[in-house]
């Protein structure tokens, strides 16, 4: 019963989230008013590279738990006057991370749907972290 309530709560929060989801493209990467937050793991950053200038903050720890310092780490590294675009491997973690940021007062959050998989499919430039 607790799991059902938790799932329903998460779904309701995501339904009413104030962030938008867009597909990552070259314009997003080059937009000086958007700061990209890569929420994957260090192993993923090494494996496929990262977008140039991305802020790297892991959303989930290696044991699958949510990084308890995630929101504070993000807030300490971003310019609050710019939009925040969140990216992961496929878009699932970035959607959850976007919801968490939105709930904790971060304005202008964008979820980059398709994630790094889309970046690689489109052959957009990446760098090693």
C-alpha atoms as a PDB file:
ATOM      1  CA  UNK A   1       0.000   0.000   0.000  1.00  0.00           C
ATOM      2  CA  UNK A   2       2.847   2.390   0.834  1.00  0.00           C
ATOM      3  CA  UNK A   3       4.441   1.742  -2.560  1.00  0.00           C
ATOM      4  CA  UNK A   4       1.173   2.505  -4.344  1.00  0.00           C
ATOM      5  CA  UNK A   5       0.783   5.787  -2.453  1.00  0.00           C
ATOM      6  CA  UNK A   6       4.384   6.739  -3.188  1.00  0.00           C
ATOM      7  CA  UNK A   7       3.966   6.010  -6.892  1.00  0.00           C
ATOM      8  CA  UNK A   8       0.713   7.998  -7.022  1.00  0.00           C
ATOM      9  CA  UNK A   9       2.379  10.925  -5.241  1.00  0.00           C
ATOM     10  CA  UNK A  10       5.318  10.941  -7.659  1.00  0.00           C
ATOM     11  CA  UNK A  11       2.985  10.769 -10.659  1.00  0.00           C
ATOM     12  CA  UNK A  12       0.843  13.636  -9.339  1.00  0.00           C
ATOM     13  CA  UNK A  13       3.885  15.800  -8.671  1.00  0.00           C
ATOM     14  CA  UNK A  14       5.200  15.158 -12.169  1.00  0.00           C
ATOM     15  CA  UNK A  15       1.797  15.974 -13.664  1.00  0.00           C
ATOM     16  CA  UNK A  16       1.820  19.411 -12.069  1.00  0.00           C
ATOM     17  CA  UNK A  17       5.505  20.187 -12.479  1.00  0.00           C
ATOM     18  CA  UNK A  18       6.285  23.602 -13.877  1.00  0.00           C
ATOM     19  CA  UNK A  19       9.217  22.591 -16.057  1.00  0.00           C
ATOM     20  CA  UNK A  20       9.151  21.913 -19.773  1.00  0.00           C
ATOM     21  CA  UNK A  21      10.613  18.985 -21.690  1.00  0.00           C
ATOM     22  CA  UNK A  22      12.380  19.653 -24.969  1.00  0.00           C
ATOM     23  CA  UNK A  23      14.609  17.554 -27.172  1.00  0.00           C
ATOM     24  CA  UNK A  24      18.278  18.424 -26.921  1.00  0.00           C
ATOM     25  CA  UNK A  25      19.718  20.111 -30.019  1.00  0.00           C
ATOM     26  CA  UNK A  26      22.592  22.358 -31.058  1.00  0.00           C
ATOM     27  CA  UNK A  27      20.604  25.526 -30.288  1.00  0.00           C
ATOM     28  CA  UNK A  28      20.031  24.415 -26.699  1.00  0.00           C
ATOM     29  CA  UNK A  29      23.697  23.546 -26.249  1.00  0.00           C
ATOM     30  CA  UNK A  30      24.808  26.927 -27.615  1.00  0.00           C
ATOM     31  CA  UNK A  31      22.236  29.068 -25.782  1.00  0.00           C
ATOM     32  CA  UNK A  32      24.142  31.329 -23.358  1.00  0.00           C
ATOM     33  CA  UNK A  33      20.997  31.691 -21.212  1.00  0.00           C
ATOM     34  CA  UNK A  34      20.837  27.950 -20.532  1.00  0.00           C
ATOM     35  CA  UNK A  35      23.146  26.095 -18.175  1.00  0.00           C
ATOM     36  CA  UNK A  36      23.217  22.329 -18.652  1.00  0.00           C
ATOM     37  CA  UNK A  37      23.286  20.039 -15.629  1.00  0.00           C
ATOM     38  CA  UNK A  38      24.397  16.450 -16.337  1.00  0.00           C
ATOM     39  CA  UNK A  39      22.937  14.201 -13.629  1.00  0.00           C
ATOM     40  CA  UNK A  40      24.466  10.908 -14.745  1.00  0.00           C
ATOM     41  CA  UNK A  41      27.133   8.966 -12.853  1.00  0.00           C
ATOM     42  CA  UNK A  42      30.877   9.566 -13.161  1.00  0.00           C
ATOM     43  CA  UNK A  43      31.187   6.241 -15.019  1.00  0.00           C
ATOM     44  CA  UNK A  44      28.622   7.421 -17.586  1.00  0.00           C
ATOM     45  CA  UNK A  45      30.409  10.760 -17.986  1.00  0.00           C
ATOM     46  CA  UNK A  46      33.636   8.897 -18.744  1.00  0.00           C
ATOM     47  CA  UNK A  47      31.982   6.391 -21.071  1.00  0.00           C
ATOM     48  CA  UNK A  48      30.188   8.776 -23.444  1.00  0.00           C
ATOM     49  CA  UNK A  49      31.601  12.189 -22.580  1.00  0.00           C
ATOM     50  CA  UNK A  50      29.647  15.274 -21.558  1.00  0.00           C
ATOM     51  CA  UNK A  51      28.380  18.410 -23.229  1.00  0.00           C
ATOM     52  CA  UNK A  52      30.986  21.157 -23.169  1.00  0.00           C
ATOM     53  CA  UNK A  53      30.469  23.381 -20.127  1.00  0.00           C
ATOM     54  CA  UNK A  54      27.955  21.053 -18.461  1.00  0.00           C
ATOM     55  CA  UNK A  55      27.766  21.152 -14.682  1.00  0.00           C
ATOM     56  CA  UNK A  56      28.237  17.610 -13.397  1.00  0.00           C
ATOM     57  CA  UNK A  57      26.160  16.605 -10.359  1.00  0.00           C
ATOM     58  CA  UNK A  58      25.090  12.991  -9.883  1.00  0.00           C
ATOM     59  CA  UNK A  59      21.367  12.569  -9.144  1.00  0.00           C
ATOM     60  CA  UNK A  60      21.502   8.936  -8.040  1.00  0.00           C
ATOM     61  CA  UNK A  61      24.273   7.320  -6.020  1.00  0.00           C
ATOM     62  CA  UNK A  62      25.837   4.019  -7.114  1.00  0.00           C
ATOM     63  CA  UNK A  63      23.423   2.161  -4.788  1.00  0.00           C
ATOM     64  CA  UNK A  64      20.430   3.745  -6.572  1.00  0.00           C
ATOM     65  CA  UNK A  65      19.535   6.169  -3.796  1.00  0.00           C
ATOM     66  CA  UNK A  66      19.006   9.842  -4.559  1.00  0.00           C
ATOM     67  CA  UNK A  67      22.014  12.025  -3.784  1.00  0.00           C
ATOM     68  CA  UNK A  68      20.884  13.795  -0.569  1.00  0.00           C
ATOM     69  CA  UNK A  69      22.942  16.883  -1.457  1.00  0.00           C
ATOM     70  CA  UNK A  70      21.667  17.098  -5.039  1.00  0.00           C
ATOM     71  CA  UNK A  71      19.567  20.262  -4.759  1.00  0.00           C
ATOM     72  CA  UNK A  72      22.120  22.123  -2.652  1.00  0.00           C
ATOM     73  CA  UNK A  73      24.953  21.156  -5.015  1.00  0.00           C
ATOM     74  CA  UNK A  74      22.960  22.428  -7.990  1.00  0.00           C
ATOM     75  CA  UNK A  75      21.995  25.670  -6.264  1.00  0.00           C
ATOM     76  CA  UNK A  76      25.627  26.334  -5.324  1.00  0.00           C
ATOM     77  CA  UNK A  77      26.835  25.856  -8.917  1.00  0.00           C
ATOM     78  CA  UNK A  78      24.214  27.636 -11.035  1.00  0.00           C
ATOM     79  CA  UNK A  79      23.493  31.194 -12.015  1.00  0.00           C
ATOM     80  CA  UNK A  80      19.923  31.755 -10.724  1.00  0.00           C
ATOM     81  CA  UNK A  81      19.297  34.242 -13.551  1.00  0.00           C
ATOM     82  CA  UNK A  82      19.681  31.577 -16.250  1.00  0.00           C
ATOM     83  CA  UNK A  83      17.560  28.578 -17.198  1.00  0.00           C
ATOM     84  CA  UNK A  84      18.673  25.142 -16.045  1.00  0.00           C
ATOM     85  CA  UNK A  85      18.542  22.278 -18.560  1.00  0.00           C
ATOM     86  CA  UNK A  86      18.866  18.821 -17.005  1.00  0.00           C
ATOM     87  CA  UNK A  87      20.224  15.870 -18.978  1.00  0.00           C
ATOM     88  CA  UNK A  88      20.820  12.192 -18.221  1.00  0.00           C
ATOM     89  CA  UNK A  89      21.249   9.127 -20.449  1.00  0.00           C
ATOM     90  CA  UNK A  90      17.697   8.788 -21.776  1.00  0.00           C
ATOM     91  CA  UNK A  91      15.508  11.397 -20.061  1.00  0.00           C
ATOM     92  CA  UNK A  92      14.050   9.472 -17.112  1.00  0.00           C
ATOM     93  CA  UNK A  93      16.446  10.611 -14.377  1.00  0.00           C
ATOM     94  CA  UNK A  94      16.523  14.134 -15.757  1.00  0.00           C
ATOM     95  CA  UNK A  95      12.724  14.284 -15.539  1.00  0.00           C
ATOM     96  CA  UNK A  96      12.796  13.189 -11.897  1.00  0.00           C
ATOM     97  CA  UNK A  97      15.685  15.579 -11.155  1.00  0.00           C
ATOM     98  CA  UNK A  98      13.820  18.412 -12.907  1.00  0.00           C
ATOM     99  CA  UNK A  99      10.795  17.759 -10.714  1.00  0.00           C
ATOM    100  CA  UNK A 100      12.949  17.825  -7.585  1.00  0.00           C
ATOM    101  CA  UNK A 101      14.630  21.091  -8.619  1.00  0.00           C
ATOM    102  CA  UNK A 102      11.280  22.674  -9.474  1.00  0.00           C
ATOM    103  CA  UNK A 103       9.834  21.610  -6.101  1.00  0.00           C
ATOM    104  CA  UNK A 104      12.825  23.189  -4.360  1.00  0.00           C
ATOM    105  CA  UNK A 105      12.520  26.629  -5.888  1.00  0.00           C
ATOM    106  CA  UNK A 106      14.788  26.435  -8.921  1.00  0.00           C
ATOM    107  CA  UNK A 107      13.168  28.515 -11.664  1.00  0.00           C
ATOM    108  CA  UNK A 108      13.434  27.990 -15.415  1.00  0.00           C
ATOM    109  CA  UNK A 109      14.015  24.222 -15.329  1.00  0.00           C
ATOM    110  CA  UNK A 110      14.067  22.357 -18.642  1.00  0.00           C
ATOM    111  CA  UNK A 111      14.200  18.567 -18.995  1.00  0.00           C
ATOM    112  CA  UNK A 112      16.242  17.504 -22.020  1.00  0.00           C
ATOM    113  CA  UNK A 113      14.200  14.597 -23.348  1.00  0.00           C
ATOM    114  CA  UNK A 114      16.125  11.826 -25.044  1.00  0.00           C
ATOM    115  CA  UNK A 115      19.207  12.699 -23.015  1.00  0.00           C
ATOM    116  CA  UNK A 116      22.719  11.826 -24.057  1.00  0.00           C
ATOM    117  CA  UNK A 117      21.352   9.027 -26.224  1.00  0.00           C
ATOM    118  CA  UNK A 118      19.819  11.759 -28.417  1.00  0.00           C
ATOM    119  CA  UNK A 119      23.071  13.788 -28.281  1.00  0.00           C
ATOM    120  CA  UNK A 120      24.985  10.779 -29.589  1.00  0.00           C
ATOM    121  CA  UNK A 121      22.319   9.943 -32.209  1.00  0.00           C
ATOM    122  CA  UNK A 122      22.522  13.505 -33.540  1.00  0.00           C
ATOM    123  CA  UNK A 123      26.328  13.427 -33.379  1.00  0.00           C
ATOM    124  CA  UNK A 124      26.408  16.586 -31.275  1.00  0.00           C
ATOM    125  CA  UNK A 125      29.842  17.404 -29.841  1.00  0.00           C
ATOM    126  CA  UNK A 126      30.908  15.996 -26.474  1.00  0.00           C
ATOM    127  CA  UNK A 127      34.067  16.322 -24.414  1.00  0.00           C
ATOM    128  CA  UNK A 128      35.725  14.144 -21.788  1.00  0.00           C
ATOM    129  CA  UNK A 129      35.014  15.344 -18.233  1.00  0.00           C
END
